[in-house]
Amino acid sequence: MPHRRDGFLVIAAAVLLTSFPVVIWYRKPAFE
């Protein structure tokens, strides 16, 4: 089922793209 796997990858990529910058922005003030 390549279609389901592709959809999962899209969701996973979207989650990573949205959470990664938030984690960086959230941790940045901690260093300063």
PDB file of N, CA and C in Angstrom:
ATOM      1  N   MET A   1       0.848  -1.201   0.000  1.00  0.00           N
ATOM      2  CA  MET A   1       0.000   0.000   0.000  1.00  0.00           C
ATOM      3  C   MET A   1       0.884   1.251   0.000  1.00  0.00           C
ATOM      4  N   PRO A   2       1.452   1.601  -1.136  1.00  0.00           N
ATOM      5  CA  PRO A   2       2.361   2.749  -1.196  1.00  0.00           C
ATOM      6  C   PRO A   2       1.630   4.062  -0.935  1.00  0.00           C
ATOM      7  N   HIS A   3       0.327   4.071  -1.235  1.00  0.00           N
ATOM      8  CA  HIS A   3      -0.423   5.314  -1.045  1.00  0.00           C
ATOM      9  C   HIS A   3      -0.551   5.641   0.437  1.00  0.00           C
ATOM     10  N   ARG A   4      -0.842   4.643   1.250  1.00  0.00           N
ATOM     11  CA  ARG A   4      -0.976   4.888   2.691  1.00  0.00           C
ATOM     12  C   ARG A   4       0.368   5.278   3.273  1.00  0.00           C
ATOM     13  N   ARG A   5       1.424   4.600   2.811  1.00  0.00           N
ATOM     14  CA  ARG A   5       2.756   4.918   3.326  1.00  0.00           C
ATOM     15  C   ARG A   5       3.142   6.339   2.939  1.00  0.00           C
ATOM     16  N   ASP A   6       2.801   6.743   1.701  1.00  0.00           N
ATOM     17  CA  ASP A   6       3.120   8.086   1.238  1.00  0.00           C
ATOM     18  C   ASP A   6       2.379   9.122   2.080  1.00  0.00           C
ATOM     19  N   GLY A   7       1.115   8.832   2.381  1.00  0.00           N
ATOM     20  CA  GLY A   7       0.339   9.750   3.215  1.00  0.00           C
ATOM     21  C   GLY A   7       0.946   9.864   4.604  1.00  0.00           C
ATOM     22  N   PHE A   8       1.422   8.742   5.138  1.00  0.00           N
ATOM     23  CA  PHE A   8       2.048   8.761   6.461  1.00  0.00           C
ATOM     24  C   PHE A   8       3.319   9.595   6.440  1.00  0.00           C
ATOM     25  N   LEU A   9       4.100   9.468   5.357  1.00  0.00           N
ATOM     26  CA  LEU A   9       5.337  10.242   5.250  1.00  0.00           C
ATOM     27  C   LEU A   9       5.029  11.729   5.165  1.00  0.00           C
ATOM     28  N   VAL A  10       3.972  12.081   4.466  1.00  0.00           N
ATOM     29  CA  VAL A  10       3.580  13.492   4.353  1.00  0.00           C
ATOM     30  C   VAL A  10       3.202  14.040   5.721  1.00  0.00           C
ATOM     31  N   ILE A  11       2.431  13.258   6.475  1.00  0.00           N
ATOM     32  CA  ILE A  11       2.027  13.691   7.820  1.00  0.00           C
ATOM     33  C   ILE A  11       3.250  13.796   8.724  1.00  0.00           C
ATOM     34  N   ALA A  12       4.131  12.788   8.655  1.00  0.00           N
ATOM     35  CA  ALA A  12       5.334  12.801   9.485  1.00  0.00           C
ATOM     36  C   ALA A  12       6.215  14.006   9.144  1.00  0.00           C
ATOM     37  N   ALA A  13       6.350  14.285   7.849  1.00  0.00           N
ATOM     38  CA  ALA A  13       7.159  15.427   7.421  1.00  0.00           C
ATOM     39  C   ALA A  13       6.541  16.732   7.913  1.00  0.00           C
ATOM     40  N   ALA A  14       5.219  16.829   7.836  1.00  0.00           N
ATOM     41  CA  ALA A  14       4.541  18.041   8.292  1.00  0.00           C
ATOM     42  C   ALA A  14       4.742  18.232   9.795  1.00  0.00           C
ATOM     43  N   VAL A  15       4.651  17.143  10.554  1.00  0.00           N
ATOM     44  CA  VAL A  15       4.844  17.230  12.006  1.00  0.00           C
ATOM     45  C   VAL A  15       6.271  17.667  12.330  1.00  0.00           C
ATOM     46  N   LEU A  16       7.243  17.095  11.619  1.00  0.00           N
ATOM     47  CA  LEU A  16       8.638  17.456  11.866  1.00  0.00           C
ATOM     48  C   LEU A  16       8.906  18.915  11.501  1.00  0.00           C
ATOM     49  N   LEU A  17       8.374  19.341  10.363  1.00  0.00           N
ATOM     50  CA  LEU A  17       8.607  20.720   9.910  1.00  0.00           C
ATOM     51  C   LEU A  17       7.959  21.729  10.849  1.00  0.00           C
ATOM     52  N   THR A  18       6.863  21.341  11.493  1.00  0.00           N
ATOM     53  CA  THR A  18       6.180  22.285  12.378  1.00  0.00           C
ATOM     54  C   THR A  18       6.735  22.225  13.796  1.00  0.00           C
ATOM     55  N   SER A  19       7.204  21.055  14.231  1.00  0.00           N
ATOM     56  CA  SER A  19       7.688  20.924  15.605  1.00  0.00           C
ATOM     57  C   SER A  19       9.152  21.319  15.741  1.00  0.00           C
ATOM     58  N   PHE A  20       9.960  21.053  14.713  1.00  0.00           N
ATOM     59  CA  PHE A  20      11.395  21.330  14.801  1.00  0.00           C
ATOM     60  C   PHE A  20      11.696  22.802  15.045  1.00  0.00           C
ATOM     61  N   PRO A  21      11.131  23.738  14.245  1.00  0.00           N
ATOM     62  CA  PRO A  21      11.376  25.164  14.498  1.00  0.00           C
ATOM     63  C   PRO A  21      10.859  25.608  15.863  1.00  0.00           C
ATOM     64  N   VAL A  22       9.762  25.020  16.309  1.00  0.00           N
ATOM     65  CA  VAL A  22       9.198  25.389  17.613  1.00  0.00           C
ATOM     66  C   VAL A  22      10.154  24.973  18.729  1.00  0.00           C
ATOM     67  N   VAL A  23      10.738  23.783  18.596  1.00  0.00           N
ATOM     68  CA  VAL A  23      11.684  23.311  19.607  1.00  0.00           C
ATOM     69  C   VAL A  23      12.913  24.220  19.653  1.00  0.00           C
ATOM     70  N   ILE A  24      13.406  24.602  18.478  1.00  0.00           N
ATOM     71  CA  ILE A  24      14.573  25.487  18.415  1.00  0.00           C
ATOM     72  C   ILE A  24      14.230  26.841  19.033  1.00  0.00           C
ATOM     73  N   TRP A  25      13.055  27.387  18.666  1.00  0.00           N
ATOM     74  CA  TRP A  25      12.652  28.692  19.181  1.00  0.00           C
ATOM     75  C   TRP A  25      12.422  28.621  20.695  1.00  0.00           C
ATOM     76  N   TYR A  26      11.937  27.473  21.174  1.00  0.00           N
ATOM     77  CA  TYR A  26      11.655  27.314  22.605  1.00  0.00           C
ATOM     78  C   TYR A  26      12.944  27.140  23.405  1.00  0.00           C
ATOM     79  N   ARG A  27      13.949  26.500  22.805  1.00  0.00           N
ATOM     80  CA  ARG A  27      15.212  26.255  23.512  1.00  0.00           C
ATOM     81  C   ARG A  27      16.156  27.451  23.414  1.00  0.00           C
ATOM     82  N   LYS A  28      16.010  28.260  22.378  1.00  0.00           N
ATOM     83  CA  LYS A  28      16.936  29.364  22.147  1.00  0.00           C
ATOM     84  C   LYS A  28      17.049  30.302  23.363  1.00  0.00           C
ATOM     85  N   PRO A  29      15.921  30.774  23.944  1.00  0.00           N
ATOM     86  CA  PRO A  29      16.026  31.658  25.114  1.00  0.00           C
ATOM     87  C   PRO A  29      16.735  30.988  26.293  1.00  0.00           C
ATOM     88  N   ALA A  30      16.714  29.665  26.353  1.00  0.00           N
ATOM     89  CA  ALA A  30      17.341  28.964  27.474  1.00  0.00           C
ATOM     90  C   ALA A  30      18.863  29.136  27.426  1.00  0.00           C
ATOM     91  N   PHE A  31      19.429  29.220  26.214  1.00  0.00           N
ATOM     92  CA  PHE A  31      20.876  29.393  26.085  1.00  0.00           C
ATOM     93  C   PHE A  31      21.286  30.818  26.468  1.00  0.00           C
ATOM     94  N   GLU A  32      20.382  31.776  26.247  1.00  0.00           N
ATOM     95  CA  GLU A  32      20.678  33.161  26.581  1.00  0.00           C
ATOM     96  C   GLU A  32      20.109  33.467  27.957  1.00  0.00           C
TER      97      GLU A  32
END
